[in-house]
Amino acid sequence: LDLHLDSCPPSAQDWSFTHVGDLSLKWARLSVDPFEWQPAKDGQTFSRFDINVCQDSIVTLLAQHDITVMHTIVYWDSVLNADRPPDYANPTEVQRYLDHADLLVQHFKGRVQYYEILNEAIAYVQLPDYLALIHKVVPIIRADDPDAKIVVGGATNLLDQGPRDYLFGVVESDVMPLVDGVAIHPMYGPSPEYDDVRQYYYNYPSLVQAIKDTAAAH
């Protein structure tokens, strides 16, 4: 279950929590920041260097109910990213991301078990810049919370060759010994009833095995 923790009542009755509890789910993927970048507009939220009471309380409630949490770390600067996504070839923007990651991991230590580095980075980050960012942020997460696990990857629909190439570029790289998991975003409604996705549907187990084998080999 994906949750964007923006504003909500900090209670066990809040939908952000009850959706997880009522469905007996054991995992929640969440972020205190929007998962995806959008141009600035009325009501658009950007990242902040603080964590509000609601966000903190929801994560605490999940932890108290033994729900494993993966926090996706993204950062959207209200000035730099008002009309474009972050540029992770730019040292200034890289440093802002690192500072934000440092804040989040220190704050949620002991309640968040996994941290994911960006969401669908393929949408706005060149592969070499993504790999360089991973190299920079991993030591920060390890120092702040040695028990936390780190996840990378998360390309878009693997039905398409571009996202596959990007993901395999990650799992074939030198970041694999540094991290603990690979995220994949494989299914956007494919069914064997449809000719154009039937082969992908039936070949999916072998694709997952190839991703696992490649990651393990590196």
N, C-alpha and C. Protein backbone atom coordinates (compact mmCIF):
# COMPACT_ATOMS: atom_id res chain seq x y z
N LEU A 1 0.85 -1.18 0.00
CA LEU A 1 0.00 0.00 0.00
C LEU A 1 0.88 1.23 0.00
N ASP A 2 0.66 2.15 -0.93
CA ASP A 2 1.41 3.40 -1.00
C ASP A 2 0.66 4.49 -0.26
N LEU A 3 1.37 5.23 0.57
CA LEU A 3 0.76 6.32 1.32
C LEU A 3 1.61 7.57 1.16
N HIS A 4 0.98 8.69 0.78
CA HIS A 4 1.66 9.97 0.85
C HIS A 4 1.14 10.67 2.08
N LEU A 5 2.01 10.86 3.07
CA LEU A 5 1.61 11.43 4.35
C LEU A 5 1.69 12.95 4.26
N ASP A 6 0.60 13.59 3.90
CA ASP A 6 0.59 15.04 3.77
C ASP A 6 -0.08 15.67 4.98
N SER A 7 -1.40 15.65 5.04
CA SER A 7 -2.10 16.20 6.19
C SER A 7 -3.24 15.27 6.55
N CYS A 8 -3.37 14.96 7.81
CA CYS A 8 -4.40 14.04 8.25
C CYS A 8 -4.46 14.05 9.77
N PRO A 9 -5.57 13.64 10.37
CA PRO A 9 -5.63 13.55 11.83
C PRO A 9 -4.70 12.45 12.33
N PRO A 10 -3.87 12.73 13.30
CA PRO A 10 -2.94 11.72 13.81
C PRO A 10 -3.63 10.77 14.78
N SER A 11 -4.43 9.84 14.25
CA SER A 11 -5.12 8.90 15.10
C SER A 11 -5.26 7.57 14.39
N ALA A 12 -5.55 6.53 15.16
CA ALA A 12 -5.70 5.19 14.59
C ALA A 12 -6.94 5.08 13.72
N GLN A 13 -7.84 6.08 13.77
CA GLN A 13 -9.04 6.06 12.95
C GLN A 13 -8.80 6.70 11.58
N ASP A 14 -7.64 7.31 11.38
CA ASP A 14 -7.37 7.97 10.12
C ASP A 14 -7.28 6.96 8.98
N TRP A 15 -7.75 7.34 7.79
CA TRP A 15 -7.77 6.40 6.67
C TRP A 15 -6.38 5.87 6.33
N SER A 16 -5.34 6.71 6.50
CA SER A 16 -4.00 6.28 6.16
C SER A 16 -3.58 5.06 6.97
N PHE A 17 -4.09 4.96 8.18
CA PHE A 17 -3.77 3.81 9.00
C PHE A 17 -4.79 2.69 8.85
N THR A 18 -6.08 3.02 8.87
CA THR A 18 -7.10 1.98 8.87
C THR A 18 -7.10 1.18 7.57
N HIS A 19 -6.72 1.79 6.45
CA HIS A 19 -6.64 1.03 5.20
C HIS A 19 -5.65 -0.12 5.34
N VAL A 20 -4.58 0.12 6.08
CA VAL A 20 -3.58 -0.93 6.28
C VAL A 20 -4.10 -1.97 7.27
N GLY A 21 -4.60 -1.48 8.41
CA GLY A 21 -5.06 -2.40 9.45
C GLY A 21 -6.26 -3.23 9.03
N ASP A 22 -7.25 -2.60 8.40
CA ASP A 22 -8.47 -3.33 8.05
C ASP A 22 -8.22 -4.40 7.00
N LEU A 23 -7.24 -4.19 6.14
CA LEU A 23 -6.95 -5.16 5.08
C LEU A 23 -5.93 -6.20 5.52
N SER A 24 -5.49 -6.10 6.77
CA SER A 24 -4.51 -7.05 7.33
C SER A 24 -3.20 -7.04 6.54
N LEU A 25 -2.85 -5.90 6.01
CA LEU A 25 -1.59 -5.79 5.29
C LEU A 25 -0.42 -5.75 6.28
N LYS A 26 0.73 -6.18 5.84
CA LYS A 26 1.91 -6.22 6.69
C LYS A 26 2.99 -5.26 6.23
N TRP A 27 2.81 -4.68 5.06
CA TRP A 27 3.80 -3.74 4.53
C TRP A 27 3.10 -2.45 4.13
N ALA A 28 3.78 -1.34 4.32
CA ALA A 28 3.31 -0.06 3.81
C ALA A 28 4.50 0.68 3.20
N ARG A 29 4.33 1.15 1.99
CA ARG A 29 5.33 2.00 1.34
C ARG A 29 4.80 3.41 1.42
N LEU A 30 5.58 4.31 1.98
CA LEU A 30 5.08 5.65 2.21
C LEU A 30 6.18 6.69 2.01
N SER A 31 5.76 7.94 2.06
CA SER A 31 6.70 9.05 1.99
C SER A 31 6.05 10.27 2.62
N VAL A 32 6.85 11.07 3.30
CA VAL A 32 6.33 12.35 3.80
C VAL A 32 6.27 13.37 2.67
N ASP A 33 6.81 13.04 1.53
CA ASP A 33 6.83 13.92 0.36
C ASP A 33 6.05 13.27 -0.77
N PRO A 34 5.53 14.06 -1.72
CA PRO A 34 4.85 13.44 -2.88
C PRO A 34 5.78 12.48 -3.61
N PHE A 35 5.25 11.35 -4.04
CA PHE A 35 6.08 10.37 -4.75
C PHE A 35 6.59 10.92 -6.08
N GLU A 36 5.77 11.73 -6.76
CA GLU A 36 6.11 12.19 -8.11
C GLU A 36 6.16 13.71 -8.16
N TRP A 37 7.04 14.21 -9.03
CA TRP A 37 7.16 15.66 -9.22
C TRP A 37 6.03 16.18 -10.08
N GLN A 38 5.54 17.37 -9.74
CA GLN A 38 4.56 18.09 -10.56
C GLN A 38 4.95 19.56 -10.59
N PRO A 39 4.65 20.27 -11.67
CA PRO A 39 4.92 21.70 -11.69
C PRO A 39 4.16 22.41 -10.57
N ALA A 40 4.73 23.51 -10.09
CA ALA A 40 4.10 24.27 -9.01
C ALA A 40 2.72 24.76 -9.45
N LYS A 41 1.76 24.63 -8.56
CA LYS A 41 0.41 25.10 -8.79
C LYS A 41 -0.26 25.28 -7.44
N ASP A 42 -1.44 25.81 -7.43
CA ASP A 42 -2.14 26.02 -6.17
C ASP A 42 -2.30 24.69 -5.44
N GLY A 43 -1.89 24.65 -4.20
CA GLY A 43 -2.03 23.45 -3.41
C GLY A 43 -0.89 22.46 -3.56
N GLN A 44 0.04 22.72 -4.47
CA GLN A 44 1.17 21.81 -4.66
C GLN A 44 2.06 21.81 -3.42
N THR A 45 2.44 20.65 -2.96
CA THR A 45 3.31 20.55 -1.80
C THR A 45 4.74 20.21 -2.21
N PHE A 46 5.67 20.81 -1.50
CA PHE A 46 7.09 20.54 -1.71
C PHE A 46 7.68 20.01 -0.41
N SER A 47 8.90 19.54 -0.49
CA SER A 47 9.54 18.97 0.69
C SER A 47 9.87 20.07 1.70
N ARG A 48 9.85 19.65 2.98
CA ARG A 48 10.20 20.55 4.06
C ARG A 48 11.21 19.87 4.95
N PHE A 49 11.99 20.68 5.65
CA PHE A 49 12.98 20.13 6.56
C PHE A 49 12.42 20.04 7.98
N ASP A 50 11.18 19.56 8.05
CA ASP A 50 10.60 19.20 9.33
C ASP A 50 9.56 18.11 9.07
N ILE A 51 9.15 17.45 10.11
CA ILE A 51 8.18 16.36 10.01
C ILE A 51 7.04 16.70 10.97
N ASN A 52 5.82 16.80 10.43
CA ASN A 52 4.73 17.26 11.29
C ASN A 52 4.20 16.14 12.18
N VAL A 53 3.35 16.54 13.11
CA VAL A 53 2.83 15.61 14.11
C VAL A 53 2.05 14.47 13.46
N CYS A 54 1.28 14.79 12.41
CA CYS A 54 0.51 13.77 11.73
C CYS A 54 1.42 12.71 11.11
N GLN A 55 2.41 13.16 10.36
CA GLN A 55 3.33 12.23 9.72
C GLN A 55 4.01 11.34 10.75
N ASP A 56 4.48 11.94 11.82
CA ASP A 56 5.16 11.19 12.86
C ASP A 56 4.23 10.17 13.52
N SER A 57 2.99 10.59 13.77
CA SER A 57 2.05 9.71 14.47
C SER A 57 1.64 8.52 13.62
N ILE A 58 1.44 8.75 12.31
CA ILE A 58 1.06 7.64 11.43
C ILE A 58 2.16 6.59 11.37
N VAL A 59 3.40 7.03 11.24
CA VAL A 59 4.51 6.07 11.21
C VAL A 59 4.59 5.32 12.54
N THR A 60 4.37 6.02 13.63
CA THR A 60 4.39 5.36 14.94
C THR A 60 3.28 4.32 15.05
N LEU A 61 2.08 4.65 14.59
CA LEU A 61 0.96 3.70 14.63
C LEU A 61 1.27 2.45 13.81
N LEU A 62 1.83 2.64 12.63
CA LEU A 62 2.19 1.50 11.81
C LEU A 62 3.21 0.61 12.52
N ALA A 63 4.21 1.24 13.12
CA ALA A 63 5.24 0.49 13.82
C ALA A 63 4.66 -0.26 15.02
N GLN A 64 3.76 0.39 15.74
CA GLN A 64 3.15 -0.24 16.93
C GLN A 64 2.31 -1.46 16.56
N HIS A 65 1.82 -1.49 15.32
CA HIS A 65 1.00 -2.62 14.87
C HIS A 65 1.81 -3.60 14.01
N ASP A 66 3.13 -3.56 14.18
CA ASP A 66 4.04 -4.53 13.53
C ASP A 66 3.92 -4.52 12.01
N ILE A 67 3.68 -3.37 11.44
CA ILE A 67 3.63 -3.23 9.99
C ILE A 67 4.98 -2.72 9.49
N THR A 68 5.57 -3.47 8.60
CA THR A 68 6.86 -3.09 8.04
C THR A 68 6.69 -1.87 7.14
N VAL A 69 7.55 -0.89 7.32
CA VAL A 69 7.44 0.36 6.58
C VAL A 69 8.65 0.55 5.67
N MET A 70 8.39 0.88 4.42
CA MET A 70 9.44 1.32 3.50
C MET A 70 9.17 2.78 3.15
N HIS A 71 10.10 3.64 3.52
CA HIS A 71 9.97 5.07 3.23
C HIS A 71 10.75 5.39 1.96
N THR A 72 10.05 5.90 0.95
CA THR A 72 10.71 6.32 -0.27
C THR A 72 11.21 7.74 -0.09
N ILE A 73 12.52 7.93 -0.23
CA ILE A 73 13.11 9.25 -0.02
C ILE A 73 13.17 9.99 -1.35
N VAL A 74 12.35 11.03 -1.45
CA VAL A 74 12.39 11.95 -2.58
C VAL A 74 12.52 13.36 -2.01
N TYR A 75 12.95 14.29 -2.84
CA TYR A 75 13.08 15.67 -2.37
C TYR A 75 12.72 16.63 -3.50
N TRP A 76 11.76 17.51 -3.22
CA TRP A 76 11.32 18.51 -4.19
C TRP A 76 11.50 19.89 -3.57
N ASP A 77 12.46 20.64 -4.07
CA ASP A 77 12.73 21.97 -3.55
C ASP A 77 11.72 22.98 -4.08
N SER A 78 11.16 23.78 -3.20
CA SER A 78 10.08 24.69 -3.60
C SER A 78 10.54 25.77 -4.58
N VAL A 79 11.83 26.06 -4.61
CA VAL A 79 12.36 27.07 -5.54
C VAL A 79 12.98 26.38 -6.76
N LEU A 80 13.93 25.50 -6.52
CA LEU A 80 14.64 24.87 -7.62
C LEU A 80 13.74 23.98 -8.48
N ASN A 81 12.76 23.35 -7.86
CA ASN A 81 11.94 22.38 -8.57
C ASN A 81 10.51 22.84 -8.80
N ALA A 82 10.31 24.15 -8.81
CA ALA A 82 8.97 24.67 -9.05
C ALA A 82 8.49 24.38 -10.46
N ASP A 83 9.43 24.36 -11.42
CA ASP A 83 9.02 24.14 -12.80
C ASP A 83 9.84 23.05 -13.50
N ARG A 84 10.61 22.30 -12.75
CA ARG A 84 11.37 21.18 -13.33
C ARG A 84 11.73 20.20 -12.22
N PRO A 85 11.91 18.94 -12.58
CA PRO A 85 12.35 17.96 -11.58
C PRO A 85 13.77 18.25 -11.11
N PRO A 86 14.22 17.62 -10.05
CA PRO A 86 15.60 17.81 -9.59
C PRO A 86 16.62 17.40 -10.65
N ASP A 87 17.76 18.07 -10.61
CA ASP A 87 18.88 17.74 -11.48
C ASP A 87 19.98 17.14 -10.61
N TYR A 88 20.08 15.80 -10.62
CA TYR A 88 21.04 15.15 -9.74
C TYR A 88 22.43 15.05 -10.35
N ALA A 89 22.68 15.82 -11.40
CA ALA A 89 24.04 16.07 -11.85
C ALA A 89 24.56 17.37 -11.22
N ASN A 90 23.69 18.08 -10.53
CA ASN A 90 24.01 19.36 -9.89
C ASN A 90 24.37 19.11 -8.43
N PRO A 91 25.60 19.44 -8.02
CA PRO A 91 26.03 19.17 -6.63
C PRO A 91 25.14 19.82 -5.57
N THR A 92 24.62 21.01 -5.87
CA THR A 92 23.75 21.69 -4.90
C THR A 92 22.47 20.90 -4.65
N GLU A 93 21.88 20.39 -5.72
CA GLU A 93 20.64 19.64 -5.57
C GLU A 93 20.89 18.26 -4.97
N VAL A 94 22.03 17.68 -5.28
CA VAL A 94 22.41 16.42 -4.64
C VAL A 94 22.52 16.63 -3.13
N GLN A 95 23.17 17.71 -2.72
CA GLN A 95 23.36 17.95 -1.30
C GLN A 95 22.04 18.18 -0.57
N ARG A 96 21.10 18.85 -1.21
CA ARG A 96 19.80 19.05 -0.59
C ARG A 96 19.11 17.70 -0.37
N TYR A 97 19.23 16.81 -1.35
CA TYR A 97 18.66 15.47 -1.19
C TYR A 97 19.32 14.74 -0.04
N LEU A 98 20.64 14.81 0.04
CA LEU A 98 21.37 14.12 1.10
C LEU A 98 20.97 14.66 2.48
N ASP A 99 20.82 15.98 2.58
CA ASP A 99 20.42 16.59 3.85
C ASP A 99 19.02 16.14 4.25
N HIS A 100 18.13 16.05 3.26
CA HIS A 100 16.76 15.61 3.54
C HIS A 100 16.75 14.14 3.98
N ALA A 101 17.52 13.32 3.30
CA ALA A 101 17.62 11.90 3.69
C ALA A 101 18.16 11.77 5.11
N ASP A 102 19.16 12.55 5.43
CA ASP A 102 19.75 12.53 6.77
C ASP A 102 18.70 12.84 7.83
N LEU A 103 17.91 13.88 7.57
CA LEU A 103 16.85 14.27 8.50
C LEU A 103 15.84 13.14 8.70
N LEU A 104 15.37 12.56 7.60
CA LEU A 104 14.33 11.54 7.66
C LEU A 104 14.79 10.30 8.41
N VAL A 105 15.98 9.83 8.09
CA VAL A 105 16.46 8.58 8.69
C VAL A 105 16.72 8.78 10.18
N GLN A 106 17.30 9.90 10.54
CA GLN A 106 17.52 10.15 11.96
C GLN A 106 16.20 10.21 12.71
N HIS A 107 15.20 10.86 12.11
CA HIS A 107 13.92 11.03 12.79
C HIS A 107 13.18 9.72 12.96
N PHE A 108 13.16 8.89 11.92
CA PHE A 108 12.34 7.67 11.94
C PHE A 108 13.11 6.42 12.36
N LYS A 109 14.32 6.58 12.83
CA LYS A 109 15.13 5.43 13.23
C LYS A 109 14.36 4.56 14.22
N GLY A 110 14.34 3.25 13.94
CA GLY A 110 13.66 2.30 14.81
C GLY A 110 12.21 2.05 14.44
N ARG A 111 11.63 2.92 13.59
CA ARG A 111 10.24 2.74 13.18
C ARG A 111 10.11 2.40 11.70
N VAL A 112 11.08 2.80 10.92
CA VAL A 112 11.11 2.51 9.48
C VAL A 112 12.21 1.50 9.22
N GLN A 113 11.84 0.40 8.58
CA GLN A 113 12.82 -0.68 8.36
C GLN A 113 13.55 -0.58 7.02
N TYR A 114 12.91 0.04 6.03
CA TYR A 114 13.48 0.12 4.68
C TYR A 114 13.43 1.56 4.17
N TYR A 115 14.46 1.95 3.44
CA TYR A 115 14.46 3.24 2.74
C TYR A 115 14.73 3.00 1.26
N GLU A 116 13.88 3.57 0.43
CA GLU A 116 14.02 3.45 -1.02
C GLU A 116 14.56 4.75 -1.58
N ILE A 117 15.57 4.66 -2.42
CA ILE A 117 16.22 5.85 -2.97
C ILE A 117 15.53 6.26 -4.26
N LEU A 118 14.71 7.26 -4.18
CA LEU A 118 13.89 7.83 -5.26
C LEU A 118 12.77 6.88 -5.68
N ASN A 119 11.78 7.46 -6.31
CA ASN A 119 10.67 6.71 -6.89
C ASN A 119 10.71 6.87 -8.40
N GLU A 120 10.82 5.75 -9.11
CA GLU A 120 10.83 5.76 -10.57
C GLU A 120 11.80 6.81 -11.11
N ALA A 121 13.06 6.67 -10.67
CA ALA A 121 14.09 7.63 -11.06
C ALA A 121 14.23 7.76 -12.57
N ILE A 122 13.88 6.71 -13.30
CA ILE A 122 13.99 6.74 -14.76
C ILE A 122 13.24 7.92 -15.36
N ALA A 123 12.22 8.41 -14.67
CA ALA A 123 11.39 9.48 -15.22
C ALA A 123 12.13 10.81 -15.30
N TYR A 124 13.20 10.98 -14.50
CA TYR A 124 13.85 12.29 -14.51
C TYR A 124 15.33 12.28 -14.16
N VAL A 125 15.93 11.10 -13.98
CA VAL A 125 17.34 11.03 -13.61
C VAL A 125 18.08 10.10 -14.57
N GLN A 126 19.15 10.61 -15.16
CA GLN A 126 19.99 9.76 -15.99
C GLN A 126 20.62 8.66 -15.12
N LEU A 127 20.78 7.47 -15.70
CA LEU A 127 21.27 6.33 -14.93
C LEU A 127 22.59 6.62 -14.22
N PRO A 128 23.61 7.20 -14.87
CA PRO A 128 24.86 7.47 -14.14
C PRO A 128 24.66 8.38 -12.94
N ASP A 129 23.75 9.36 -13.05
CA ASP A 129 23.49 10.26 -11.94
C ASP A 129 22.76 9.55 -10.81
N TYR A 130 21.87 8.62 -11.16
CA TYR A 130 21.17 7.85 -10.14
C TYR A 130 22.16 6.97 -9.38
N LEU A 131 23.06 6.32 -10.10
CA LEU A 131 24.04 5.46 -9.44
C LEU A 131 24.97 6.28 -8.55
N ALA A 132 25.36 7.46 -9.03
CA ALA A 132 26.22 8.33 -8.21
C ALA A 132 25.49 8.79 -6.95
N LEU A 133 24.20 9.08 -7.07
CA LEU A 133 23.41 9.49 -5.91
C LEU A 133 23.34 8.35 -4.88
N ILE A 134 23.14 7.13 -5.36
CA ILE A 134 23.09 5.98 -4.45
C ILE A 134 24.40 5.88 -3.68
N HIS A 135 25.52 6.02 -4.37
CA HIS A 135 26.82 5.94 -3.70
C HIS A 135 26.94 6.99 -2.59
N LYS A 136 26.35 8.15 -2.79
CA LYS A 136 26.47 9.23 -1.81
C LYS A 136 25.52 9.07 -0.63
N VAL A 137 24.31 8.57 -0.88
CA VAL A 137 23.31 8.54 0.19
C VAL A 137 23.42 7.29 1.06
N VAL A 138 23.91 6.19 0.51
CA VAL A 138 24.01 4.96 1.30
C VAL A 138 24.82 5.15 2.58
N PRO A 139 26.01 5.77 2.54
CA PRO A 139 26.76 5.94 3.80
C PRO A 139 26.01 6.76 4.84
N ILE A 140 25.19 7.71 4.40
CA ILE A 140 24.43 8.53 5.34
C ILE A 140 23.37 7.68 6.04
N ILE A 141 22.65 6.87 5.26
CA ILE A 141 21.62 6.00 5.86
C ILE A 141 22.27 5.00 6.80
N ARG A 142 23.38 4.41 6.40
CA ARG A 142 24.06 3.42 7.23
C ARG A 142 24.53 4.04 8.56
N ALA A 143 25.03 5.27 8.49
CA ALA A 143 25.51 5.93 9.71
C ALA A 143 24.36 6.29 10.64
N ASP A 144 23.24 6.75 10.06
CA ASP A 144 22.10 7.17 10.87
C ASP A 144 21.34 5.99 11.47
N ASP A 145 21.23 4.90 10.72
CA ASP A 145 20.47 3.74 11.20
C ASP A 145 21.09 2.47 10.63
N PRO A 146 22.07 1.90 11.30
CA PRO A 146 22.76 0.71 10.77
C PRO A 146 21.84 -0.48 10.54
N ASP A 147 20.69 -0.51 11.21
CA ASP A 147 19.78 -1.65 11.05
C ASP A 147 18.84 -1.50 9.86
N ALA A 148 18.76 -0.33 9.28
CA ALA A 148 17.84 -0.10 8.17
C ALA A 148 18.34 -0.78 6.90
N LYS A 149 17.39 -1.19 6.05
CA LYS A 149 17.70 -1.77 4.76
C LYS A 149 17.50 -0.71 3.68
N ILE A 150 18.27 -0.82 2.60
CA ILE A 150 18.25 0.18 1.53
C ILE A 150 17.82 -0.48 0.23
N VAL A 151 16.88 0.16 -0.46
CA VAL A 151 16.28 -0.39 -1.68
C VAL A 151 16.49 0.59 -2.83
N VAL A 152 16.81 0.06 -4.00
CA VAL A 152 17.01 0.89 -5.19
C VAL A 152 16.26 0.26 -6.36
N GLY A 153 16.27 0.94 -7.48
CA GLY A 153 15.62 0.40 -8.69
C GLY A 153 14.35 1.16 -8.99
N GLY A 154 13.21 0.46 -8.84
CA GLY A 154 11.91 1.09 -8.98
C GLY A 154 11.67 1.77 -10.32
N ALA A 155 12.13 1.19 -11.41
CA ALA A 155 11.83 1.76 -12.72
C ALA A 155 10.34 1.63 -13.02
N THR A 156 9.88 2.30 -14.05
CA THR A 156 8.47 2.24 -14.41
C THR A 156 8.16 0.92 -15.12
N ASN A 157 7.03 0.86 -15.80
CA ASN A 157 6.46 -0.37 -16.35
C ASN A 157 7.48 -1.24 -17.09
N LEU A 158 7.74 -2.42 -16.57
CA LEU A 158 8.73 -3.31 -17.17
C LEU A 158 8.25 -3.98 -18.45
N LEU A 159 7.02 -3.69 -18.84
CA LEU A 159 6.56 -4.13 -20.16
C LEU A 159 7.36 -3.45 -21.26
N ASP A 160 7.88 -2.25 -20.97
CA ASP A 160 8.61 -1.46 -21.95
C ASP A 160 10.11 -1.70 -21.82
N GLN A 161 10.81 -1.67 -22.95
CA GLN A 161 12.24 -1.98 -22.95
C GLN A 161 13.06 -0.92 -22.23
N GLY A 162 12.69 0.34 -22.35
CA GLY A 162 13.45 1.41 -21.70
C GLY A 162 13.58 1.21 -20.20
N PRO A 163 12.46 1.03 -19.48
CA PRO A 163 12.56 0.76 -18.05
C PRO A 163 13.33 -0.51 -17.72
N ARG A 164 13.20 -1.54 -18.56
CA ARG A 164 13.98 -2.76 -18.31
C ARG A 164 15.48 -2.47 -18.39
N ASP A 165 15.88 -1.73 -19.43
CA ASP A 165 17.29 -1.41 -19.59
C ASP A 165 17.80 -0.61 -18.39
N TYR A 166 16.99 0.34 -17.92
CA TYR A 166 17.37 1.17 -16.78
C TYR A 166 17.54 0.31 -15.53
N LEU A 167 16.56 -0.56 -15.27
CA LEU A 167 16.62 -1.41 -14.09
C LEU A 167 17.81 -2.36 -14.15
N PHE A 168 18.04 -2.98 -15.32
CA PHE A 168 19.18 -3.88 -15.42
C PHE A 168 20.49 -3.10 -15.33
N GLY A 169 20.47 -1.83 -15.73
CA GLY A 169 21.65 -0.99 -15.53
C GLY A 169 21.96 -0.80 -14.05
N VAL A 170 20.92 -0.76 -13.24
CA VAL A 170 21.11 -0.65 -11.79
C VAL A 170 21.63 -1.96 -11.22
N VAL A 171 20.97 -3.07 -11.56
CA VAL A 171 21.33 -4.35 -10.93
C VAL A 171 22.63 -4.93 -11.47
N GLU A 172 23.15 -4.40 -12.58
CA GLU A 172 24.44 -4.82 -13.11
C GLU A 172 25.58 -3.90 -12.65
N SER A 173 25.25 -2.90 -11.81
CA SER A 173 26.22 -1.87 -11.45
C SER A 173 26.94 -2.19 -10.14
N ASP A 174 27.88 -1.30 -9.79
CA ASP A 174 28.66 -1.50 -8.56
C ASP A 174 27.92 -1.04 -7.31
N VAL A 175 26.65 -0.66 -7.43
CA VAL A 175 25.90 -0.31 -6.21
C VAL A 175 25.30 -1.54 -5.54
N MET A 176 25.25 -2.66 -6.24
CA MET A 176 24.59 -3.83 -5.68
C MET A 176 25.20 -4.29 -4.35
N PRO A 177 26.53 -4.31 -4.18
CA PRO A 177 27.06 -4.72 -2.88
C PRO A 177 26.72 -3.75 -1.74
N LEU A 178 26.25 -2.55 -2.09
CA LEU A 178 26.00 -1.52 -1.09
C LEU A 178 24.58 -1.55 -0.53
N VAL A 179 23.65 -2.21 -1.25
CA VAL A 179 22.24 -2.11 -0.90
C VAL A 179 21.68 -3.48 -0.54
N ASP A 180 20.40 -3.47 -0.14
CA ASP A 180 19.78 -4.69 0.38
C ASP A 180 18.62 -5.20 -0.46
N GLY A 181 18.07 -4.38 -1.33
CA GLY A 181 16.91 -4.81 -2.10
C GLY A 181 16.75 -4.05 -3.39
N VAL A 182 15.98 -4.64 -4.30
CA VAL A 182 15.68 -4.02 -5.59
C VAL A 182 14.16 -3.93 -5.72
N ALA A 183 13.68 -2.74 -5.99
CA ALA A 183 12.23 -2.54 -6.17
C ALA A 183 11.90 -2.64 -7.66
N ILE A 184 10.78 -3.27 -7.95
CA ILE A 184 10.30 -3.34 -9.34
C ILE A 184 8.84 -2.89 -9.38
N HIS A 185 8.47 -2.25 -10.48
CA HIS A 185 7.10 -1.80 -10.69
C HIS A 185 6.59 -2.51 -11.95
N PRO A 186 6.14 -3.76 -11.81
CA PRO A 186 5.95 -4.61 -12.98
C PRO A 186 4.56 -4.62 -13.58
N MET A 187 3.53 -4.42 -12.78
CA MET A 187 2.18 -4.71 -13.25
C MET A 187 1.30 -3.47 -13.27
N TYR A 188 0.84 -3.11 -14.46
CA TYR A 188 -0.09 -1.99 -14.63
C TYR A 188 -1.34 -2.51 -15.34
N GLY A 189 -1.87 -3.61 -14.82
CA GLY A 189 -3.10 -4.17 -15.36
C GLY A 189 -2.97 -5.17 -16.49
N PRO A 190 -1.81 -5.80 -16.72
CA PRO A 190 -1.73 -6.78 -17.81
C PRO A 190 -2.55 -8.02 -17.51
N SER A 191 -3.08 -8.60 -18.56
CA SER A 191 -3.89 -9.81 -18.44
C SER A 191 -3.66 -10.66 -19.67
N PRO A 192 -3.68 -11.99 -19.53
CA PRO A 192 -3.52 -12.86 -20.71
C PRO A 192 -4.69 -12.74 -21.68
N GLU A 193 -5.73 -12.03 -21.30
CA GLU A 193 -6.85 -11.83 -22.23
C GLU A 193 -6.50 -10.87 -23.36
N TYR A 194 -5.42 -10.08 -23.19
CA TYR A 194 -5.07 -9.06 -24.17
C TYR A 194 -3.83 -9.48 -24.95
N ASP A 195 -3.93 -9.43 -26.27
CA ASP A 195 -2.85 -9.92 -27.12
C ASP A 195 -1.53 -9.20 -26.87
N ASP A 196 -1.58 -7.88 -26.65
CA ASP A 196 -0.34 -7.11 -26.59
C ASP A 196 0.44 -7.30 -25.28
N VAL A 197 -0.19 -7.88 -24.26
CA VAL A 197 0.52 -8.08 -23.00
C VAL A 197 0.55 -9.55 -22.57
N ARG A 198 0.00 -10.44 -23.39
CA ARG A 198 -0.09 -11.85 -23.01
C ARG A 198 1.30 -12.46 -22.77
N GLN A 199 2.21 -12.22 -23.70
CA GLN A 199 3.54 -12.81 -23.55
C GLN A 199 4.24 -12.26 -22.31
N TYR A 200 4.12 -10.96 -22.09
CA TYR A 200 4.72 -10.36 -20.89
C TYR A 200 4.14 -11.00 -19.64
N TYR A 201 2.84 -11.20 -19.62
CA TYR A 201 2.17 -11.78 -18.45
C TYR A 201 2.74 -13.17 -18.13
N TYR A 202 2.85 -14.01 -19.13
CA TYR A 202 3.31 -15.37 -18.89
C TYR A 202 4.82 -15.46 -18.67
N ASN A 203 5.54 -14.49 -19.21
CA ASN A 203 7.00 -14.49 -19.03
C ASN A 203 7.44 -13.78 -17.75
N TYR A 204 6.50 -13.24 -17.02
CA TYR A 204 6.83 -12.45 -15.83
C TYR A 204 7.68 -13.22 -14.81
N PRO A 205 7.35 -14.48 -14.47
CA PRO A 205 8.20 -15.19 -13.50
C PRO A 205 9.65 -15.30 -13.95
N SER A 206 9.88 -15.53 -15.23
CA SER A 206 11.26 -15.64 -15.71
C SER A 206 11.96 -14.28 -15.69
N LEU A 207 11.20 -13.20 -15.90
CA LEU A 207 11.78 -11.87 -15.82
C LEU A 207 12.21 -11.56 -14.39
N VAL A 208 11.36 -11.87 -13.43
CA VAL A 208 11.71 -11.64 -12.03
C VAL A 208 12.95 -12.47 -11.65
N GLN A 209 12.99 -13.71 -12.11
CA GLN A 209 14.15 -14.55 -11.80
C GLN A 209 15.43 -13.97 -12.40
N ALA A 210 15.32 -13.43 -13.62
CA ALA A 210 16.49 -12.81 -14.26
C ALA A 210 16.97 -11.60 -13.48
N ILE A 211 16.03 -10.80 -12.97
CA ILE A 211 16.40 -9.63 -12.16
C ILE A 211 17.11 -10.09 -10.89
N LYS A 212 16.55 -11.10 -10.21
CA LYS A 212 17.15 -11.61 -8.99
C LYS A 212 18.54 -12.19 -9.25
N ASP A 213 18.66 -12.98 -10.30
CA ASP A 213 19.94 -13.61 -10.60
C ASP A 213 21.00 -12.57 -10.94
N THR A 214 20.61 -11.56 -11.71
CA THR A 214 21.58 -10.52 -12.10
C THR A 214 22.02 -9.71 -10.89
N ALA A 215 21.05 -9.34 -10.05
CA ALA A 215 21.39 -8.58 -8.84
C ALA A 215 22.33 -9.38 -7.94
N ALA A 216 22.03 -10.65 -7.75
CA ALA A 216 22.85 -11.50 -6.89
C ALA A 216 24.27 -11.67 -7.45
N ALA A 217 24.36 -11.77 -8.77
CA ALA A 217 25.66 -11.97 -9.41
C ALA A 217 26.55 -10.74 -9.26
N HIS A 218 25.92 -9.58 -9.05
CA HIS A 218 26.69 -8.35 -8.91
C HIS A 218 26.79 -7.88 -7.47
